[in-house]
Amino acid sequence: MSDTQIAKRDILIVAGMSGAGRSTAANTLEDMGWYVVDNLPLKLLTTVADMAELSDGAIKKIAAVVDARGRDLDETLRETLAEISEKGAPRILFLDASDDVLVRRYEAVRRPHPLMGAGSLLDGIQKERDRLLELRALSDFVIDTSRYNVHELTSRIRELFSEADAPKLQLVVQSFGFKYGAPSDADLMIDMRFVPNPFWLPELRPLTGNDAEVSEFVLAQEGVHEFIANYVAALEPVFAGYQRENKRHVMLAVGCTGGKHRSVAVTNEIAGRLADLAGVQVSVRHRDLGRE
């Protein structure tokens, strides 16, 4: 393969629900040096890829933003993927959000949904979900942006599509509260509700798992250290397998009831231990901290 050819993983299809953050993703990718084409008919993506091969290396990474307004999306997608596979398999990023969040976002900007027609916002959202069902199933990355603000989504996109010389596996360890819903984009999940809840201790209730008092309490409970040690040991062959399969981005979600005490303390402990693994870059996120 010559230097001017589009290398494998340098073609990205950005899709998803209207209002879920496609524009934010496109702007972030453009800032990262991607050549971004918005609302490009999928049939023309192979043409853009061919043009990039003649650009003397000026266009190295292409991101095509698509939506569900084309009725032949599924058929076009299959044809396009088959054609581009000759140059190297493209990746698909799918952005999603819950119906109620999408409704609130549309109401905030006072814009109609592109597929609602004479119906309601929810009618348009459901029609779009139906059209994107196969595309979502084929996606390499699915991000639920329901609880992301613009800055958090930007950070997530940067984590996923960092430069090729980054460590082989980028791991996000994220705490969350089950009462706010489990993250739909988690690859692995831990439930820490088997540990006594510091919430019921008046002196610990106002604190969080980032505080030493809470962390020490959680980690001192029977079975917690054994669980963490065994789980981290079990992840080593899993991560090795991910690397062999060229899976470079993993989210490990750690949950408790409210996402304030147990999950935060255990997230920090697990992230610290996994940071010592070779070829793994670990970042920590506490999704629901401060929501109570």
C-alpha atoms as a PDB file:
ATOM      1  CA  MET A   1       0.000   0.000   0.000  1.00  0.00           C
ATOM      2  CA  SER A   2       1.456   3.412  -0.983  1.00  0.00           C
ATOM      3  CA  ASP A   3       1.633   6.426   1.358  1.00  0.00           C
ATOM      4  CA  THR A   4      -1.196   8.176  -0.472  1.00  0.00           C
ATOM      5  CA  GLN A   5      -3.680   5.356  -0.083  1.00  0.00           C
ATOM      6  CA  ILE A   6      -6.379   5.447   2.548  1.00  0.00           C
ATOM      7  CA  ALA A   7      -5.188   3.100   5.271  1.00  0.00           C
ATOM      8  CA  LYS A   8      -7.389   0.741   7.166  1.00  0.00           C
ATOM      9  CA  ARG A   9      -9.413   2.511   9.904  1.00  0.00           C
ATOM     10  CA  ASP A  10      -9.008   5.917   8.236  1.00  0.00           C
ATOM     11  CA  ILE A  11     -12.592   6.012   6.942  1.00  0.00           C
ATOM     12  CA  LEU A  12     -15.282   6.715   9.507  1.00  0.00           C
ATOM     13  CA  ILE A  13     -19.047   6.821   8.987  1.00  0.00           C
ATOM     14  CA  VAL A  14     -20.722   9.038  11.607  1.00  0.00           C
ATOM     15  CA  ALA A  15     -24.400   8.256  12.030  1.00  0.00           C
ATOM     16  CA  GLY A  16     -27.095   8.203  14.661  1.00  0.00           C
ATOM     17  CA  MET A  17     -30.249   9.838  15.895  1.00  0.00           C
ATOM     18  CA  SER A  18     -30.960  13.453  15.013  1.00  0.00           C
ATOM     19  CA  GLY A  19     -30.219  15.505  18.103  1.00  0.00           C
ATOM     20  CA  ALA A  20     -27.801  12.932  19.552  1.00  0.00           C
ATOM     21  CA  GLY A  21     -24.653  14.925  18.756  1.00  0.00           C
ATOM     22  CA  ARG A  22     -23.573  14.251  15.169  1.00  0.00           C
ATOM     23  CA  SER A  23     -22.600  17.891  14.639  1.00  0.00           C
ATOM     24  CA  THR A  24     -20.500  17.934  17.813  1.00  0.00           C
ATOM     25  CA  ALA A  25     -18.778  14.725  16.743  1.00  0.00           C
ATOM     26  CA  ALA A  26     -18.105  16.132  13.267  1.00  0.00           C
ATOM     27  CA  ASN A  27     -16.653  19.382  14.643  1.00  0.00           C
ATOM     28  CA  THR A  28     -14.425  17.460  17.061  1.00  0.00           C
ATOM     29  CA  LEU A  29     -13.122  15.154  14.335  1.00  0.00           C
ATOM     30  CA  GLU A  30     -12.431  18.128  12.086  1.00  0.00           C
ATOM     31  CA  ASP A  31     -10.438  19.772  14.881  1.00  0.00           C
ATOM     32  CA  MET A  32      -8.457  16.533  15.173  1.00  0.00           C
ATOM     33  CA  GLY A  33      -7.437  16.695  11.524  1.00  0.00           C
ATOM     34  CA  TRP A  34     -10.107  14.544   9.904  1.00  0.00           C
ATOM     35  CA  TYR A  35     -11.518  15.547   6.517  1.00  0.00           C
ATOM     36  CA  VAL A  36     -15.228  15.769   7.378  1.00  0.00           C
ATOM     37  CA  VAL A  37     -18.011  15.621   4.810  1.00  0.00           C
ATOM     38  CA  ASP A  38     -21.481  16.387   6.175  1.00  0.00           C
ATOM     39  CA  ASN A  39     -24.649  14.903   4.683  1.00  0.00           C
ATOM     40  CA  LEU A  40     -22.686  13.107   2.008  1.00  0.00           C
ATOM     41  CA  PRO A  41     -24.712  10.524   0.077  1.00  0.00           C
ATOM     42  CA  LEU A  42     -23.121   7.219   0.981  1.00  0.00           C
ATOM     43  CA  LYS A  43     -22.760   6.260  -2.659  1.00  0.00           C
ATOM     44  CA  LEU A  44     -20.248   9.117  -3.050  1.00  0.00           C
ATOM     45  CA  LEU A  45     -18.035   8.017  -0.157  1.00  0.00           C
ATOM     46  CA  THR A  46     -16.008   5.693  -2.358  1.00  0.00           C
ATOM     47  CA  THR A  47     -15.459   8.599  -4.764  1.00  0.00           C
ATOM     48  CA  VAL A  48     -14.138  10.768  -1.921  1.00  0.00           C
ATOM     49  CA  ALA A  49     -11.866   7.899  -0.835  1.00  0.00           C
ATOM     50  CA  ASP A  50     -10.539   7.572  -4.376  1.00  0.00           C
ATOM     51  CA  MET A  51      -9.857  11.311  -4.507  1.00  0.00           C
ATOM     52  CA  ALA A  52      -7.979  11.091  -1.216  1.00  0.00           C
ATOM     53  CA  GLU A  53      -5.582   8.578  -2.748  1.00  0.00           C
ATOM     54  CA  LEU A  54      -4.586  11.257  -5.250  1.00  0.00           C
ATOM     55  CA  SER A  55      -4.112  14.028  -2.667  1.00  0.00           C
ATOM     56  CA  ASP A  56      -0.432  13.290  -2.002  1.00  0.00           C
ATOM     57  CA  GLY A  57      -1.201  12.574   1.617  1.00  0.00           C
ATOM     58  CA  ALA A  58      -3.170  15.802   2.223  1.00  0.00           C
ATOM     59  CA  ILE A  59      -6.300  13.810   3.131  1.00  0.00           C
ATOM     60  CA  LYS A  60      -5.413  10.999   5.510  1.00  0.00           C
ATOM     61  CA  LYS A  61      -8.612  10.508   7.499  1.00  0.00           C
ATOM     62  CA  ILE A  62     -12.166  10.839   6.182  1.00  0.00           C
ATOM     63  CA  ALA A  63     -15.335  11.120   8.275  1.00  0.00           C
ATOM     64  CA  ALA A  64     -18.682  11.055   6.473  1.00  0.00           C
ATOM     65  CA  VAL A  65     -21.747  12.216   8.428  1.00  0.00           C
ATOM     66  CA  VAL A  66     -24.974  10.532   7.297  1.00  0.00           C
ATOM     67  CA  ASP A  67     -28.580  10.689   8.435  1.00  0.00           C
ATOM     68  CA  ALA A  68     -31.732   8.633   7.998  1.00  0.00           C
ATOM     69  CA  ARG A  69     -33.514  10.751   5.409  1.00  0.00           C
ATOM     70  CA  GLY A  70     -32.466   8.461   2.571  1.00  0.00           C
ATOM     71  CA  ARG A  71     -35.016   5.662   2.316  1.00  0.00           C
ATOM     72  CA  ASP A  72     -32.489   3.339   0.665  1.00  0.00           C
ATOM     73  CA  LEU A  73     -29.964   3.796   3.507  1.00  0.00           C
ATOM     74  CA  ASP A  74     -29.659   0.093   4.337  1.00  0.00           C
ATOM     75  CA  GLU A  75     -29.102  -0.973   0.736  1.00  0.00           C
ATOM     76  CA  THR A  76     -26.683   1.910   0.087  1.00  0.00           C
ATOM     77  CA  LEU A  77     -24.787   1.124   3.284  1.00  0.00           C
ATOM     78  CA  ARG A  78     -24.225  -2.501   2.317  1.00  0.00           C
ATOM     79  CA  GLU A  79     -23.059  -1.540  -1.161  1.00  0.00           C
ATOM     80  CA  THR A  80     -20.722   1.152   0.140  1.00  0.00           C
ATOM     81  CA  LEU A  81     -19.181  -1.065   2.809  1.00  0.00           C
ATOM     82  CA  ALA A  82     -18.544  -3.756   0.210  1.00  0.00           C
ATOM     83  CA  GLU A  83     -16.798  -1.274  -2.102  1.00  0.00           C
ATOM     84  CA  ILE A  84     -14.686   0.372   0.605  1.00  0.00           C
ATOM     85  CA  SER A  85     -13.667  -3.002   2.028  1.00  0.00           C
ATOM     86  CA  GLU A  86     -11.304  -3.286  -0.923  1.00  0.00           C
ATOM     87  CA  LYS A  87      -9.358  -0.339   0.534  1.00  0.00           C
ATOM     88  CA  GLY A  88      -9.668  -1.394   4.180  1.00  0.00           C
ATOM     89  CA  ALA A  89     -12.690  -1.822   6.424  1.00  0.00           C
ATOM     90  CA  PRO A  90     -14.273   1.465   7.508  1.00  0.00           C
ATOM     91  CA  ARG A  91     -15.546   2.044  11.024  1.00  0.00           C
ATOM     92  CA  ILE A  92     -19.018   3.237  11.997  1.00  0.00           C
ATOM     93  CA  LEU A  93     -19.736   5.568  14.912  1.00  0.00           C
ATOM     94  CA  PHE A  94     -23.378   5.649  16.039  1.00  0.00           C
ATOM     95  CA  LEU A  95     -24.683   8.350  18.382  1.00  0.00           C
ATOM     96  CA  ASP A  96     -27.869   7.640  20.304  1.00  0.00           C
ATOM     97  CA  ALA A  97     -29.951   9.143  23.104  1.00  0.00           C
ATOM     98  CA  SER A  98     -33.186   8.285  24.885  1.00  0.00           C
ATOM     99  CA  ASP A  99     -36.480   9.472  23.407  1.00  0.00           C
ATOM    100  CA  ASP A 100     -37.229  11.891  26.240  1.00  0.00           C
ATOM    101  CA  VAL A 101     -33.787  13.519  25.924  1.00  0.00           C
ATOM    102  CA  LEU A 102     -34.185  13.892  22.153  1.00  0.00           C
ATOM    103  CA  VAL A 103     -37.611  15.477  22.643  1.00  0.00           C
ATOM    104  CA  ARG A 104     -36.193  17.974  25.167  1.00  0.00           C
ATOM    105  CA  ARG A 105     -33.334  18.880  22.829  1.00  0.00           C
ATOM    106  CA  TYR A 106     -35.678  19.494  19.919  1.00  0.00           C
ATOM    107  CA  GLU A 107     -38.040  21.527  22.067  1.00  0.00           C
ATOM    108  CA  ALA A 108     -35.112  23.608  23.337  1.00  0.00           C
ATOM    109  CA  VAL A 109     -34.110  24.656  19.810  1.00  0.00           C
ATOM    110  CA  ARG A 110     -37.740  24.788  18.571  1.00  0.00           C
ATOM    111  CA  ARG A 111     -37.026  22.807  15.443  1.00  0.00           C
ATOM    112  CA  PRO A 112     -39.144  20.059  13.884  1.00  0.00           C
ATOM    113  CA  HIS A 113     -37.774  16.549  13.528  1.00  0.00           C
ATOM    114  CA  PRO A 114     -36.797  15.907   9.873  1.00  0.00           C
ATOM    115  CA  LEU A 115     -39.007  12.804   9.691  1.00  0.00           C
ATOM    116  CA  MET A 116     -42.028  13.875  11.767  1.00  0.00           C
ATOM    117  CA  GLY A 117     -44.082  15.157   8.841  1.00  0.00           C
ATOM    118  CA  ALA A 118     -47.595  15.922  10.107  1.00  0.00           C
ATOM    119  CA  GLY A 119     -47.069  13.750  13.189  1.00  0.00           C
ATOM    120  CA  SER A 120     -45.469  14.391  16.554  1.00  0.00           C
ATOM    121  CA  LEU A 121     -41.820  14.620  17.563  1.00  0.00           C
ATOM    122  CA  LEU A 122     -42.038  11.082  18.939  1.00  0.00           C
ATOM    123  CA  ASP A 123     -43.442   9.860  15.618  1.00  0.00           C
ATOM    124  CA  GLY A 124     -40.395  11.253  13.823  1.00  0.00           C
ATOM    125  CA  ILE A 125     -38.003   9.799  16.387  1.00  0.00           C
ATOM    126  CA  GLN A 126     -39.550   6.345  16.114  1.00  0.00           C
ATOM    127  CA  LYS A 127     -39.455   6.447  12.323  1.00  0.00           C
ATOM    128  CA  GLU A 128     -35.786   7.393  12.460  1.00  0.00           C
ATOM    129  CA  ARG A 129     -35.015   4.562  14.923  1.00  0.00           C
ATOM    130  CA  ASP A 130     -36.639   2.082  12.587  1.00  0.00           C
ATOM    131  CA  ARG A 131     -34.584   3.265   9.611  1.00  0.00           C
ATOM    132  CA  LEU A 132     -31.320   3.204  11.562  1.00  0.00           C
ATOM    133  CA  LEU A 133     -31.829  -0.176  13.209  1.00  0.00           C
ATOM    134  CA  GLU A 134     -29.490  -2.123  10.909  1.00  0.00           C
ATOM    135  CA  LEU A 135     -26.886   0.643  10.838  1.00  0.00           C
ATOM    136  CA  ARG A 136     -26.778   0.692  14.646  1.00  0.00           C
ATOM    137  CA  ALA A 137     -26.315  -3.085  14.726  1.00  0.00           C
ATOM    138  CA  LEU A 138     -23.341  -2.823  12.344  1.00  0.00           C
ATOM    139  CA  SER A 139     -21.644   0.011  14.251  1.00  0.00           C
ATOM    140  CA  ASP A 140     -18.194  -0.343  15.782  1.00  0.00           C
ATOM    141  CA  PHE A 141     -18.881   2.333  18.411  1.00  0.00           C
ATOM    142  CA  VAL A 142     -22.223   3.238  19.994  1.00  0.00           C
ATOM    143  CA  ILE A 143     -22.301   6.260  22.305  1.00  0.00           C
ATOM    144  CA  ASP A 144     -25.384   7.059  24.354  1.00  0.00           C
ATOM    145  CA  THR A 145     -25.217  10.856  24.721  1.00  0.00           C
ATOM    146  CA  SER A 146     -28.279  11.166  26.966  1.00  0.00           C
ATOM    147  CA  ARG A 147     -26.194  12.322  29.928  1.00  0.00           C
ATOM    148  CA  TYR A 148     -23.370  13.996  27.984  1.00  0.00           C
ATOM    149  CA  ASN A 149     -22.989  17.712  27.563  1.00  0.00           C
ATOM    150  CA  VAL A 150     -21.118  19.104  24.560  1.00  0.00           C
ATOM    151  CA  HIS A 151     -17.772  19.121  26.352  1.00  0.00           C
ATOM    152  CA  GLU A 152     -18.152  15.551  27.636  1.00  0.00           C
ATOM    153  CA  LEU A 153     -19.072  14.264  24.176  1.00  0.00           C
ATOM    154  CA  THR A 154     -16.088  16.098  22.704  1.00  0.00           C
ATOM    155  CA  SER A 155     -13.801  14.407  25.241  1.00  0.00           C
ATOM    156  CA  ARG A 156     -15.298  11.004  24.462  1.00  0.00           C
ATOM    157  CA  ILE A 157     -14.760  11.451  20.721  1.00  0.00           C
ATOM    158  CA  ARG A 158     -11.155  12.451  21.341  1.00  0.00           C
ATOM    159  CA  GLU A 159     -10.656   9.360  23.514  1.00  0.00           C
ATOM    160  CA  LEU A 160     -12.013   7.077  20.804  1.00  0.00           C
ATOM    161  CA  PHE A 161     -10.190   8.550  17.823  1.00  0.00           C
ATOM    162  CA  SER A 162      -6.816   9.570  19.163  1.00  0.00           C
ATOM    163  CA  GLU A 163      -3.702   9.177  17.060  1.00  0.00           C
ATOM    164  CA  ALA A 164      -2.613   5.741  15.877  1.00  0.00           C
ATOM    165  CA  ASP A 165       0.535   5.766  18.015  1.00  0.00           C
ATOM    166  CA  ALA A 166      -1.521   5.756  21.241  1.00  0.00           C
ATOM    167  CA  PRO A 167      -1.429   2.629  23.463  1.00  0.00           C
ATOM    168  CA  LYS A 168      -3.056  -0.455  21.965  1.00  0.00           C
ATOM    169  CA  LEU A 169      -5.974  -0.361  24.414  1.00  0.00           C
ATOM    170  CA  GLN A 170      -7.623   2.753  25.800  1.00  0.00           C
ATOM    171  CA  LEU A 171      -9.750   1.920  28.838  1.00  0.00           C
ATOM    172  CA  VAL A 172     -12.358   4.157  30.472  1.00  0.00           C
ATOM    173  CA  VAL A 173     -13.377   3.072  33.975  1.00  0.00           C
ATOM    174  CA  GLN A 174     -16.657   4.815  34.769  1.00  0.00           C
ATOM    175  CA  SER A 175     -18.709   4.865  37.956  1.00  0.00           C
ATOM    176  CA  PHE A 176     -22.478   5.246  37.731  1.00  0.00           C
ATOM    177  CA  GLY A 177     -25.666   4.952  39.746  1.00  0.00           C
ATOM    178  CA  PHE A 178     -28.193   2.288  38.809  1.00  0.00           C
ATOM    179  CA  LYS A 179     -31.035   4.597  39.834  1.00  0.00           C
ATOM    180  CA  TYR A 180     -30.037   6.860  36.929  1.00  0.00           C
ATOM    181  CA  GLY A 181     -29.815   3.968  34.486  1.00  0.00           C
ATOM    182  CA  ALA A 182     -26.960   1.703  33.434  1.00  0.00           C
ATOM    183  CA  PRO A 183     -24.747   3.070  30.623  1.00  0.00           C
ATOM    184  CA  SER A 184     -25.728   1.461  27.336  1.00  0.00           C
ATOM    185  CA  ASP A 185     -22.268   1.914  25.822  1.00  0.00           C
ATOM    186  CA  ALA A 186     -20.416  -0.098  28.491  1.00  0.00           C
ATOM    187  CA  ASP A 187     -18.434  -3.131  27.314  1.00  0.00           C
ATOM    188  CA  LEU A 188     -18.068  -4.581  30.829  1.00  0.00           C
ATOM    189  CA  MET A 189     -20.075  -3.908  33.980  1.00  0.00           C
ATOM    190  CA  ILE A 190     -19.637  -4.429  37.736  1.00  0.00           C
ATOM    191  CA  ASP A 191     -22.390  -4.229  40.342  1.00  0.00           C
ATOM    192  CA  MET A 192     -21.046  -3.140  43.756  1.00  0.00           C
ATOM    193  CA  ARG A 193     -24.396  -3.235  45.547  1.00  0.00           C
ATOM    194  CA  PHE A 194     -23.245  -6.327  47.439  1.00  0.00           C
ATOM    195  CA  VAL A 195     -21.189  -3.985  49.656  1.00  0.00           C
ATOM    196  CA  PRO A 196     -22.745  -2.172  52.679  1.00  0.00           C
ATOM    197  CA  ASN A 197     -23.818   1.323  51.620  1.00  0.00           C
ATOM    198  CA  PRO A 198     -21.969   4.255  53.280  1.00  0.00           C
ATOM    199  CA  PHE A 199     -25.076   6.343  52.601  1.00  0.00           C
ATOM    200  CA  TRP A 200     -26.624   4.933  55.765  1.00  0.00           C
ATOM    201  CA  LEU A 201     -23.798   6.223  57.952  1.00  0.00           C
ATOM    202  CA  PRO A 202     -24.489   9.886  58.855  1.00  0.00           C
ATOM    203  CA  GLU A 203     -20.798  10.793  58.965  1.00  0.00           C
ATOM    204  CA  LEU A 204     -20.166   9.339  55.475  1.00  0.00           C
ATOM    205  CA  ARG A 205     -23.392  10.306  53.713  1.00  0.00           C
ATOM    206  CA  PRO A 206     -22.283  13.814  52.620  1.00  0.00           C
ATOM    207  CA  LEU A 207     -18.919  12.519  51.396  1.00  0.00           C
ATOM    208  CA  THR A 208     -18.088  10.648  48.176  1.00  0.00           C
ATOM    209  CA  GLY A 209     -15.926   7.745  47.138  1.00  0.00           C
ATOM    210  CA  ASN A 210     -13.198  10.257  46.321  1.00  0.00           C
ATOM    211  CA  ASP A 211     -12.876  10.991  50.041  1.00  0.00           C
ATOM    212  CA  ALA A 212     -10.430   8.837  52.001  1.00  0.00           C
ATOM    213  CA  GLU A 213     -12.964   8.047  54.722  1.00  0.00           C
ATOM    214  CA  VAL A 214     -15.446   6.552  52.261  1.00  0.00           C
ATOM    215  CA  SER A 215     -12.787   4.780  50.208  1.00  0.00           C
ATOM    216  CA  GLU A 216     -11.289   3.161  53.296  1.00  0.00           C
ATOM    217  CA  PHE A 217     -14.726   2.075  54.511  1.00  0.00           C
ATOM    218  CA  VAL A 218     -15.694   0.499  51.173  1.00  0.00           C
ATOM    219  CA  LEU A 219     -12.393  -1.255  50.555  1.00  0.00           C
ATOM    220  CA  ALA A 220     -12.325  -2.612  54.128  1.00  0.00           C
ATOM    221  CA  GLN A 221     -15.619  -4.481  53.732  1.00  0.00           C
ATOM    222  CA  GLU A 222     -15.507  -8.263  53.667  1.00  0.00           C
ATOM    223  CA  GLY A 223     -14.718  -9.679  50.232  1.00  0.00           C
ATOM    224  CA  VAL A 224     -14.064  -6.364  48.487  1.00  0.00           C
ATOM    225  CA  HIS A 225     -10.279  -6.620  48.166  1.00  0.00           C
ATOM    226  CA  GLU A 226     -10.578 -10.257  47.092  1.00  0.00           C
ATOM    227  CA  PHE A 227     -13.199  -9.356  44.498  1.00  0.00           C
ATOM    228  CA  ILE A 228     -11.120  -6.511  43.050  1.00  0.00           C
ATOM    229  CA  ALA A 229      -7.919  -8.571  42.931  1.00  0.00           C
ATOM    230  CA  ASN A 230      -9.660 -11.500  41.226  1.00  0.00           C
ATOM    231  CA  TYR A 231     -11.523  -9.256  38.787  1.00  0.00           C
ATOM    232  CA  VAL A 232      -8.397  -7.355  37.752  1.00  0.00           C
ATOM    233  CA  ALA A 233      -6.566 -10.663  37.261  1.00  0.00           C
ATOM    234  CA  ALA A 234      -9.438 -11.951  35.148  1.00  0.00           C
ATOM    235  CA  LEU A 235      -9.316  -8.831  32.947  1.00  0.00           C
ATOM    236  CA  GLU A 236      -5.708  -9.388  31.874  1.00  0.00           C
ATOM    237  CA  PRO A 237      -6.457 -12.213  29.400  1.00  0.00           C
ATOM    238  CA  VAL A 238      -9.593 -10.351  28.285  1.00  0.00           C
ATOM    239  CA  PHE A 239      -7.609  -7.237  27.421  1.00  0.00           C
ATOM    240  CA  ALA A 240      -4.960  -9.351  25.707  1.00  0.00           C
ATOM    241  CA  GLY A 241      -7.726 -10.865  23.570  1.00  0.00           C
ATOM    242  CA  TYR A 242      -9.129  -7.414  22.783  1.00  0.00           C
ATOM    243  CA  GLN A 243      -5.703  -6.334  21.551  1.00  0.00           C
ATOM    244  CA  ARG A 244      -5.381  -9.422  19.364  1.00  0.00           C
ATOM    245  CA  GLU A 245      -8.784  -8.606  17.870  1.00  0.00           C
ATOM    246  CA  ASN A 246      -7.726  -4.969  17.365  1.00  0.00           C
ATOM    247  CA  LYS A 247     -10.339  -3.618  19.777  1.00  0.00           C
ATOM    248  CA  ARG A 248      -8.700  -0.451  21.030  1.00  0.00           C
ATOM    249  CA  HIS A 249     -11.410   1.192  23.146  1.00  0.00           C
ATOM    250  CA  VAL A 250     -13.160  -0.362  26.153  1.00  0.00           C
ATOM    251  CA  MET A 251     -15.499   1.035  28.783  1.00  0.00           C
ATOM    252  CA  LEU A 252     -15.717  -0.713  32.156  1.00  0.00           C
ATOM    253  CA  ALA A 253     -18.723   0.559  34.129  1.00  0.00           C
ATOM    254  CA  VAL A 254     -18.841   0.191  37.922  1.00  0.00           C
ATOM    255  CA  GLY A 255     -22.256   0.724  39.468  1.00  0.00           C
ATOM    256  CA  CYS A 256     -23.875   1.173  42.852  1.00  0.00           C
ATOM    257  CA  THR A 257     -27.236   2.620  43.823  1.00  0.00           C
ATOM    258  CA  GLY A 258     -26.529   6.332  43.486  1.00  0.00           C
ATOM    259  CA  GLY A 259     -23.087   6.455  41.896  1.00  0.00           C
ATOM    260  CA  LYS A 260     -21.650   8.442  44.803  1.00  0.00           C
ATOM    261  CA  HIS A 261     -19.907   6.155  47.296  1.00  0.00           C
ATOM    262  CA  ARG A 262     -19.181   2.498  46.517  1.00  0.00           C
ATOM    263  CA  SER A 263     -18.856   2.693  42.741  1.00  0.00           C
ATOM    264  CA  VAL A 264     -16.612   5.762  42.929  1.00  0.00           C
ATOM    265  CA  ALA A 265     -14.238   4.207  45.466  1.00  0.00           C
ATOM    266  CA  VAL A 266     -14.015   0.917  43.553  1.00  0.00           C
ATOM    267  CA  THR A 267     -13.620   2.688  40.194  1.00  0.00           C
ATOM    268  CA  ASN A 268     -10.612   4.569  41.537  1.00  0.00           C
ATOM    269  CA  GLU A 269      -9.099   1.393  43.008  1.00  0.00           C
ATOM    270  CA  ILE A 270      -9.577  -0.711  39.874  1.00  0.00           C
ATOM    271  CA  ALA A 271      -8.310   2.064  37.585  1.00  0.00           C
ATOM    272  CA  GLY A 272      -5.187   2.386  39.717  1.00  0.00           C
ATOM    273  CA  ARG A 273      -4.446  -1.317  39.465  1.00  0.00           C
ATOM    274  CA  LEU A 274      -5.159  -1.554  35.741  1.00  0.00           C
ATOM    275  CA  ALA A 275      -2.918   1.428  35.032  1.00  0.00           C
ATOM    276  CA  ASP A 276       0.062  -0.862  35.656  1.00  0.00           C
ATOM    277  CA  LEU A 277      -0.810  -3.153  32.747  1.00  0.00           C
ATOM    278  CA  ALA A 278       1.451  -2.801  29.724  1.00  0.00           C
ATOM    279  CA  GLY A 279      -0.139  -1.359  26.605  1.00  0.00           C
ATOM    280  CA  VAL A 280      -3.221  -0.038  28.438  1.00  0.00           C
ATOM    281  CA  GLN A 281      -4.048   3.634  28.958  1.00  0.00           C
ATOM    282  CA  VAL A 282      -6.621   4.160  31.712  1.00  0.00           C
ATOM    283  CA  SER A 283      -8.873   7.156  32.296  1.00  0.00           C
ATOM    284  CA  VAL A 284     -11.482   7.610  35.019  1.00  0.00           C
ATOM    285  CA  ARG A 285     -14.952   9.112  34.743  1.00  0.00           C
ATOM    286  CA  HIS A 286     -17.572   9.493  37.502  1.00  0.00           C
ATOM    287  CA  ARG A 287     -20.817   9.871  35.561  1.00  0.00           C
ATOM    288  CA  ASP A 288     -23.301  10.595  38.318  1.00  0.00           C
ATOM    289  CA  LEU A 289     -21.168  12.221  40.965  1.00  0.00           C
ATOM    290  CA  GLY A 290     -22.907  15.402  42.142  1.00  0.00           C
ATOM    291  CA  ARG A 291     -26.364  14.472  40.824  1.00  0.00           C
ATOM    292  CA  GLU A 292     -27.858  13.663  44.198  1.00  0.00           C
END
